[in-house]
Amino acid sequence: MNKKFYVTVAVIGFSMLMAGSAGTMYAAQKEGDSDIQFAGSFFHAQGADSGTSNLDIGYGYYVTDNWEIGILQTVGYSFIDDADDQWVASTIPFTNYYFRGLSMNDPFQPFIGAFIGASYNENDTTGTMGPQVGFKSFINDSTYIMAKYRYEWFFDELAINEVEDTSSDGNHVVTLGVGFVF
């Protein structure tokens, strides 16, 4: 990845933050609310000459004002140097914790979370898990823009004595999108 890529991501993220904090609103989810997200993500596989662009759709449910559980479905296309390109998809249950009270009326909400799910294509299926961090910034009472980073580890089995250290073989995934709380 080059410096131009990182500068572009930083500018987009900062612009989203400023847009969300521009107005006064009473934006915050509450226990029992649902959430739907539409996003695009992209990643570059560590140590490889490949990357993937994804379209994401997610659904979440707030079990408390701060805790969300949900599921994310991604469908993407992998660009591979010197090989055939291929499609890839993931189905990923997740949980996120939102830090509220950091801004007046909560239009800006950073979060941390975790996920575990499956990634697959026409040739293979593997497990994936990892941490995620990001923020949502409300532009009105029920609509927000979102930026998220997650790191994906891959595994074939979850038996404790069979887990290998593959932490350097994962993917860095950056997601930008829009969501609606209802």
C-alpha atoms as a PDB file:
ATOM      1  CA  MET A   1       0.000   0.000   0.000  1.00  0.00           C
ATOM      2  CA  ASN A   2       1.270   3.433  -0.730  1.00  0.00           C
ATOM      3  CA  LYS A   3       1.141   6.712   1.096  1.00  0.00           C
ATOM      4  CA  LYS A   4      -1.485   8.108  -1.304  1.00  0.00           C
ATOM      5  CA  PHE A   5      -3.937   5.358  -0.221  1.00  0.00           C
ATOM      6  CA  TYR A   6      -3.534   6.157   3.481  1.00  0.00           C
ATOM      7  CA  VAL A   7      -3.889   9.909   2.885  1.00  0.00           C
ATOM      8  CA  THR A   8      -7.104   9.289   0.917  1.00  0.00           C
ATOM      9  CA  VAL A   9      -8.574   7.140   3.703  1.00  0.00           C
ATOM     10  CA  ALA A  10      -7.619   9.764   6.315  1.00  0.00           C
ATOM     11  CA  VAL A  11      -9.222  12.605   4.311  1.00  0.00           C
ATOM     12  CA  ILE A  12     -12.451  10.633   3.775  1.00  0.00           C
ATOM     13  CA  GLY A  13     -12.624   9.689   7.459  1.00  0.00           C
ATOM     14  CA  PHE A  14     -12.014  13.267   8.627  1.00  0.00           C
ATOM     15  CA  SER A  15     -14.654  14.578   6.184  1.00  0.00           C
ATOM     16  CA  MET A  16     -17.192  12.081   7.514  1.00  0.00           C
ATOM     17  CA  LEU A  17     -16.408  13.125  11.088  1.00  0.00           C
ATOM     18  CA  MET A  18     -16.869  16.823  10.294  1.00  0.00           C
ATOM     19  CA  ALA A  19     -20.122  16.229   8.381  1.00  0.00           C
ATOM     20  CA  GLY A  20     -21.614  14.319  11.283  1.00  0.00           C
ATOM     21  CA  SER A  21     -20.727  16.920  13.891  1.00  0.00           C
ATOM     22  CA  ALA A  22     -21.998  19.892  11.889  1.00  0.00           C
ATOM     23  CA  GLY A  23     -25.542  20.050  13.250  1.00  0.00           C
ATOM     24  CA  THR A  24     -27.400  19.787  16.515  1.00  0.00           C
ATOM     25  CA  MET A  25     -29.502  16.671  16.847  1.00  0.00           C
ATOM     26  CA  TYR A  26     -30.593  14.101  19.367  1.00  0.00           C
ATOM     27  CA  ALA A  27     -29.045  11.144  17.641  1.00  0.00           C
ATOM     28  CA  ALA A  28     -28.614   7.994  19.599  1.00  0.00           C
ATOM     29  CA  GLN A  29     -29.854   4.469  19.448  1.00  0.00           C
ATOM     30  CA  LYS A  30     -31.658   3.011  22.419  1.00  0.00           C
ATOM     31  CA  GLU A  31     -32.316  -0.475  23.704  1.00  0.00           C
ATOM     32  CA  GLY A  32     -34.582  -2.373  21.288  1.00  0.00           C
ATOM     33  CA  ASP A  33     -33.665  -0.317  18.192  1.00  0.00           C
ATOM     34  CA  SER A  34     -32.518  -1.963  14.973  1.00  0.00           C
ATOM     35  CA  ASP A  35     -29.862  -0.805  12.560  1.00  0.00           C
ATOM     36  CA  ILE A  36     -29.157  -1.485   8.894  1.00  0.00           C
ATOM     37  CA  GLN A  37     -25.870  -0.572   7.176  1.00  0.00           C
ATOM     38  CA  PHE A  38     -24.833  -0.347   3.531  1.00  0.00           C
ATOM     39  CA  ALA A  39     -21.129  -0.024   2.947  1.00  0.00           C
ATOM     40  CA  GLY A  40     -18.148  -0.647   0.770  1.00  0.00           C
ATOM     41  CA  SER A  41     -14.950  -2.112   2.084  1.00  0.00           C
ATOM     42  CA  PHE A  42     -11.579  -2.930   0.703  1.00  0.00           C
ATOM     43  CA  PHE A  43      -8.568  -4.801   1.933  1.00  0.00           C
ATOM     44  CA  HIS A  44      -5.086  -5.759   0.988  1.00  0.00           C
ATOM     45  CA  ALA A  45      -3.844  -9.182   2.055  1.00  0.00           C
ATOM     46  CA  GLN A  46      -0.643  -8.982   4.085  1.00  0.00           C
ATOM     47  CA  GLY A  47       2.399 -10.273   2.236  1.00  0.00           C
ATOM     48  CA  ALA A  48       0.502 -10.855  -1.022  1.00  0.00           C
ATOM     49  CA  ASP A  49      -0.081  -9.138  -4.338  1.00  0.00           C
ATOM     50  CA  SER A  50      -3.847  -9.226  -3.996  1.00  0.00           C
ATOM     51  CA  GLY A  51      -6.695  -7.108  -2.718  1.00  0.00           C
ATOM     52  CA  THR A  52     -10.471  -7.217  -2.605  1.00  0.00           C
ATOM     53  CA  SER A  53     -13.287  -4.686  -2.977  1.00  0.00           C
ATOM     54  CA  ASN A  54     -16.503  -5.601  -1.129  1.00  0.00           C
ATOM     55  CA  LEU A  55     -20.113  -4.544  -0.913  1.00  0.00           C
ATOM     56  CA  ASP A  56     -21.440  -5.002   2.632  1.00  0.00           C
ATOM     57  CA  ILE A  57     -24.885  -5.106   4.166  1.00  0.00           C
ATOM     58  CA  GLY A  58     -25.385  -5.485   7.892  1.00  0.00           C
ATOM     59  CA  TYR A  59     -28.222  -5.744  10.366  1.00  0.00           C
ATOM     60  CA  GLY A  60     -27.879  -5.033  14.070  1.00  0.00           C
ATOM     61  CA  TYR A  61     -30.053  -5.060  17.162  1.00  0.00           C
ATOM     62  CA  TYR A  62     -29.312  -2.994  20.292  1.00  0.00           C
ATOM     63  CA  VAL A  63     -29.613  -5.197  23.365  1.00  0.00           C
ATOM     64  CA  THR A  64     -28.778  -2.102  25.474  1.00  0.00           C
ATOM     65  CA  ASP A  65     -28.140   1.534  24.591  1.00  0.00           C
ATOM     66  CA  ASN A  66     -24.429   0.717  24.141  1.00  0.00           C
ATOM     67  CA  TRP A  67     -24.318  -2.959  23.028  1.00  0.00           C
ATOM     68  CA  GLU A  68     -25.226  -4.103  19.516  1.00  0.00           C
ATOM     69  CA  ILE A  69     -25.300  -7.648  18.148  1.00  0.00           C
ATOM     70  CA  GLY A  70     -25.756  -8.317  14.474  1.00  0.00           C
ATOM     71  CA  ILE A  71     -24.722 -10.009  11.260  1.00  0.00           C
ATOM     72  CA  LEU A  72     -22.742  -8.721   8.302  1.00  0.00           C
ATOM     73  CA  GLN A  73     -22.849 -10.168   4.788  1.00  0.00           C
ATOM     74  CA  THR A  74     -20.097  -9.177   2.373  1.00  0.00           C
ATOM     75  CA  VAL A  75     -19.670 -10.031  -1.293  1.00  0.00           C
ATOM     76  CA  GLY A  76     -16.485  -9.048  -3.049  1.00  0.00           C
ATOM     77  CA  TYR A  77     -14.176  -9.438  -5.952  1.00  0.00           C
ATOM     78  CA  SER A  78     -10.518 -10.314  -5.439  1.00  0.00           C
ATOM     79  CA  PHE A  79      -7.894  -8.820  -7.724  1.00  0.00           C
ATOM     80  CA  ILE A  80      -4.870 -11.121  -7.854  1.00  0.00           C
ATOM     81  CA  ASP A  81      -1.605 -10.340  -9.654  1.00  0.00           C
ATOM     82  CA  ASP A  82      -0.497 -13.038 -12.110  1.00  0.00           C
ATOM     83  CA  ALA A  83      -3.519 -15.298 -11.408  1.00  0.00           C
ATOM     84  CA  ASP A  84      -7.246 -15.563 -12.069  1.00  0.00           C
ATOM     85  CA  ASP A  85      -9.373 -13.082 -10.141  1.00  0.00           C
ATOM     86  CA  GLN A  86     -12.146 -14.598  -7.993  1.00  0.00           C
ATOM     87  CA  TRP A  87     -15.233 -13.724  -5.963  1.00  0.00           C
ATOM     88  CA  VAL A  88     -15.243 -13.992  -2.176  1.00  0.00           C
ATOM     89  CA  ALA A  89     -18.015 -13.682   0.409  1.00  0.00           C
ATOM     90  CA  SER A  90     -18.238 -13.616   4.198  1.00  0.00           C
ATOM     91  CA  THR A  91     -21.051 -14.104   6.686  1.00  0.00           C
ATOM     92  CA  ILE A  92     -19.979 -12.577   9.981  1.00  0.00           C
ATOM     93  CA  PRO A  93     -21.927 -12.321  13.258  1.00  0.00           C
ATOM     94  CA  PHE A  94     -20.578  -9.441  15.365  1.00  0.00           C
ATOM     95  CA  THR A  95     -20.939  -7.496  18.586  1.00  0.00           C
ATOM     96  CA  ASN A  96     -20.045  -3.824  19.111  1.00  0.00           C
ATOM     97  CA  TYR A  97     -19.816  -1.601  22.185  1.00  0.00           C
ATOM     98  CA  TYR A  98     -20.545   2.113  21.548  1.00  0.00           C
ATOM     99  CA  PHE A  99     -18.969   4.807  23.714  1.00  0.00           C
ATOM    100  CA  ARG A 100     -21.744   7.278  24.387  1.00  0.00           C
ATOM    101  CA  GLY A 101     -21.641  10.622  26.155  1.00  0.00           C
ATOM    102  CA  LEU A 102     -18.488  11.813  24.393  1.00  0.00           C
ATOM    103  CA  SER A 103     -20.337  14.539  22.497  1.00  0.00           C
ATOM    104  CA  MET A 104     -23.456  16.589  23.188  1.00  0.00           C
ATOM    105  CA  ASN A 105     -26.526  14.542  22.167  1.00  0.00           C
ATOM    106  CA  ASP A 106     -24.269  11.670  20.961  1.00  0.00           C
ATOM    107  CA  PRO A 107     -23.945  12.433  17.204  1.00  0.00           C
ATOM    108  CA  PHE A 108     -20.400  10.965  17.260  1.00  0.00           C
ATOM    109  CA  GLN A 109     -20.058   7.429  18.631  1.00  0.00           C
ATOM    110  CA  PRO A 110     -16.791   5.488  18.487  1.00  0.00           C
ATOM    111  CA  PHE A 111     -17.010   1.735  19.013  1.00  0.00           C
ATOM    112  CA  ILE A 112     -14.975  -1.411  19.536  1.00  0.00           C
ATOM    113  CA  GLY A 113     -16.142  -4.890  18.710  1.00  0.00           C
ATOM    114  CA  ALA A 114     -15.391  -8.446  17.744  1.00  0.00           C
ATOM    115  CA  PHE A 115     -16.619 -10.894  15.123  1.00  0.00           C
ATOM    116  CA  ILE A 116     -16.441 -14.564  14.206  1.00  0.00           C
ATOM    117  CA  GLY A 117     -17.808 -16.057  11.006  1.00  0.00           C
ATOM    118  CA  ALA A 118     -17.012 -17.728   7.692  1.00  0.00           C
ATOM    119  CA  SER A 119     -15.352 -16.572   4.468  1.00  0.00           C
ATOM    120  CA  TYR A 120     -15.860 -18.551   1.281  1.00  0.00           C
ATOM    121  CA  ASN A 121     -15.531 -18.688  -2.503  1.00  0.00           C
ATOM    122  CA  GLU A 122     -16.022 -21.368  -5.162  1.00  0.00           C
ATOM    123  CA  ASN A 123     -12.894 -23.224  -3.988  1.00  0.00           C
ATOM    124  CA  ASP A 124     -12.728 -22.972  -0.203  1.00  0.00           C
ATOM    125  CA  THR A 125     -14.446 -22.099   3.066  1.00  0.00           C
ATOM    126  CA  THR A 126     -12.590 -20.957   6.163  1.00  0.00           C
ATOM    127  CA  GLY A 127     -13.393 -19.422   9.522  1.00  0.00           C
ATOM    128  CA  THR A 128     -12.575 -15.812  10.273  1.00  0.00           C
ATOM    129  CA  MET A 129     -12.474 -13.840  13.506  1.00  0.00           C
ATOM    130  CA  GLY A 130     -10.965 -10.701  14.917  1.00  0.00           C
ATOM    131  CA  PRO A 131     -11.363  -7.238  16.418  1.00  0.00           C
ATOM    132  CA  GLN A 132     -12.933  -4.158  14.884  1.00  0.00           C
ATOM    133  CA  VAL A 133     -12.898  -0.474  15.752  1.00  0.00           C
ATOM    134  CA  GLY A 134     -14.610   2.525  14.206  1.00  0.00           C
ATOM    135  CA  PHE A 135     -17.158   5.256  14.606  1.00  0.00           C
ATOM    136  CA  LYS A 136     -20.544   6.326  13.418  1.00  0.00           C
ATOM    137  CA  SER A 137     -21.400   9.972  13.012  1.00  0.00           C
ATOM    138  CA  PHE A 138     -25.084  10.896  12.802  1.00  0.00           C
ATOM    139  CA  ILE A 139     -26.150  13.365  10.119  1.00  0.00           C
ATOM    140  CA  ASN A 140     -29.739  13.441  11.394  1.00  0.00           C
ATOM    141  CA  ASP A 141     -31.740  11.667  14.107  1.00  0.00           C
ATOM    142  CA  SER A 142     -31.738   8.262  12.383  1.00  0.00           C
ATOM    143  CA  THR A 143     -29.088   8.361   9.625  1.00  0.00           C
ATOM    144  CA  TYR A 144     -25.351   8.071  10.118  1.00  0.00           C
ATOM    145  CA  ILE A 145     -22.130   7.690   8.215  1.00  0.00           C
ATOM    146  CA  MET A 146     -19.702   5.059   9.397  1.00  0.00           C
ATOM    147  CA  ALA A 147     -16.002   4.240   9.145  1.00  0.00           C
ATOM    148  CA  LYS A 148     -14.610   0.964  10.462  1.00  0.00           C
ATOM    149  CA  TYR A 149     -11.353  -0.978  10.546  1.00  0.00           C
ATOM    150  CA  ARG A 150     -11.205  -4.703  11.247  1.00  0.00           C
ATOM    151  CA  TYR A 151      -8.440  -7.268  11.212  1.00  0.00           C
ATOM    152  CA  GLU A 152      -9.370 -10.728   9.974  1.00  0.00           C
ATOM    153  CA  TRP A 153      -7.602 -13.878  11.182  1.00  0.00           C
ATOM    154  CA  PHE A 154      -8.411 -17.107   9.389  1.00  0.00           C
ATOM    155  CA  PHE A 155      -8.693 -20.621  10.819  1.00  0.00           C
ATOM    156  CA  ASP A 156      -9.734 -24.130   9.773  1.00  0.00           C
ATOM    157  CA  GLU A 157     -10.474 -25.486  13.271  1.00  0.00           C
ATOM    158  CA  LEU A 158     -11.185 -23.980  16.668  1.00  0.00           C
ATOM    159  CA  ALA A 159      -9.705 -26.782  18.784  1.00  0.00           C
ATOM    160  CA  ILE A 160      -7.379 -25.137  21.327  1.00  0.00           C
ATOM    161  CA  ASN A 161      -4.473 -27.493  20.619  1.00  0.00           C
ATOM    162  CA  GLU A 162      -4.892 -27.063  16.831  1.00  0.00           C
ATOM    163  CA  VAL A 163      -4.837 -23.246  16.625  1.00  0.00           C
ATOM    164  CA  GLU A 164      -1.750 -21.938  14.866  1.00  0.00           C
ATOM    165  CA  ASP A 165      -0.344 -18.421  15.073  1.00  0.00           C
ATOM    166  CA  THR A 166      -1.501 -16.988  11.755  1.00  0.00           C
ATOM    167  CA  SER A 167      -1.826 -13.413  13.006  1.00  0.00           C
ATOM    168  CA  SER A 168       0.575 -12.147  10.339  1.00  0.00           C
ATOM    169  CA  ASP A 169      -1.454 -13.803   7.539  1.00  0.00           C
ATOM    170  CA  GLY A 170      -4.685 -11.863   7.957  1.00  0.00           C
ATOM    171  CA  ASN A 171      -6.383  -8.985   6.194  1.00  0.00           C
ATOM    172  CA  HIS A 172      -6.649  -5.310   7.067  1.00  0.00           C
ATOM    173  CA  VAL A 173     -10.197  -4.267   6.119  1.00  0.00           C
ATOM    174  CA  VAL A 174     -11.381  -0.635   5.918  1.00  0.00           C
ATOM    175  CA  THR A 175     -15.130   0.005   5.552  1.00  0.00           C
ATOM    176  CA  LEU A 176     -16.998   3.233   4.750  1.00  0.00           C
ATOM    177  CA  GLY A 177     -20.782   3.385   4.642  1.00  0.00           C
ATOM    178  CA  VAL A 178     -24.148   4.725   5.657  1.00  0.00           C
ATOM    179  CA  GLY A 179     -26.611   3.338   8.187  1.00  0.00           C
ATOM    180  CA  PHE A 180     -30.124   3.832   9.474  1.00  0.00           C
ATOM    181  CA  VAL A 181     -31.457   3.301  12.995  1.00  0.00           C
ATOM    182  CA  PHE A 182     -35.150   2.360  13.290  1.00  0.00           C
END
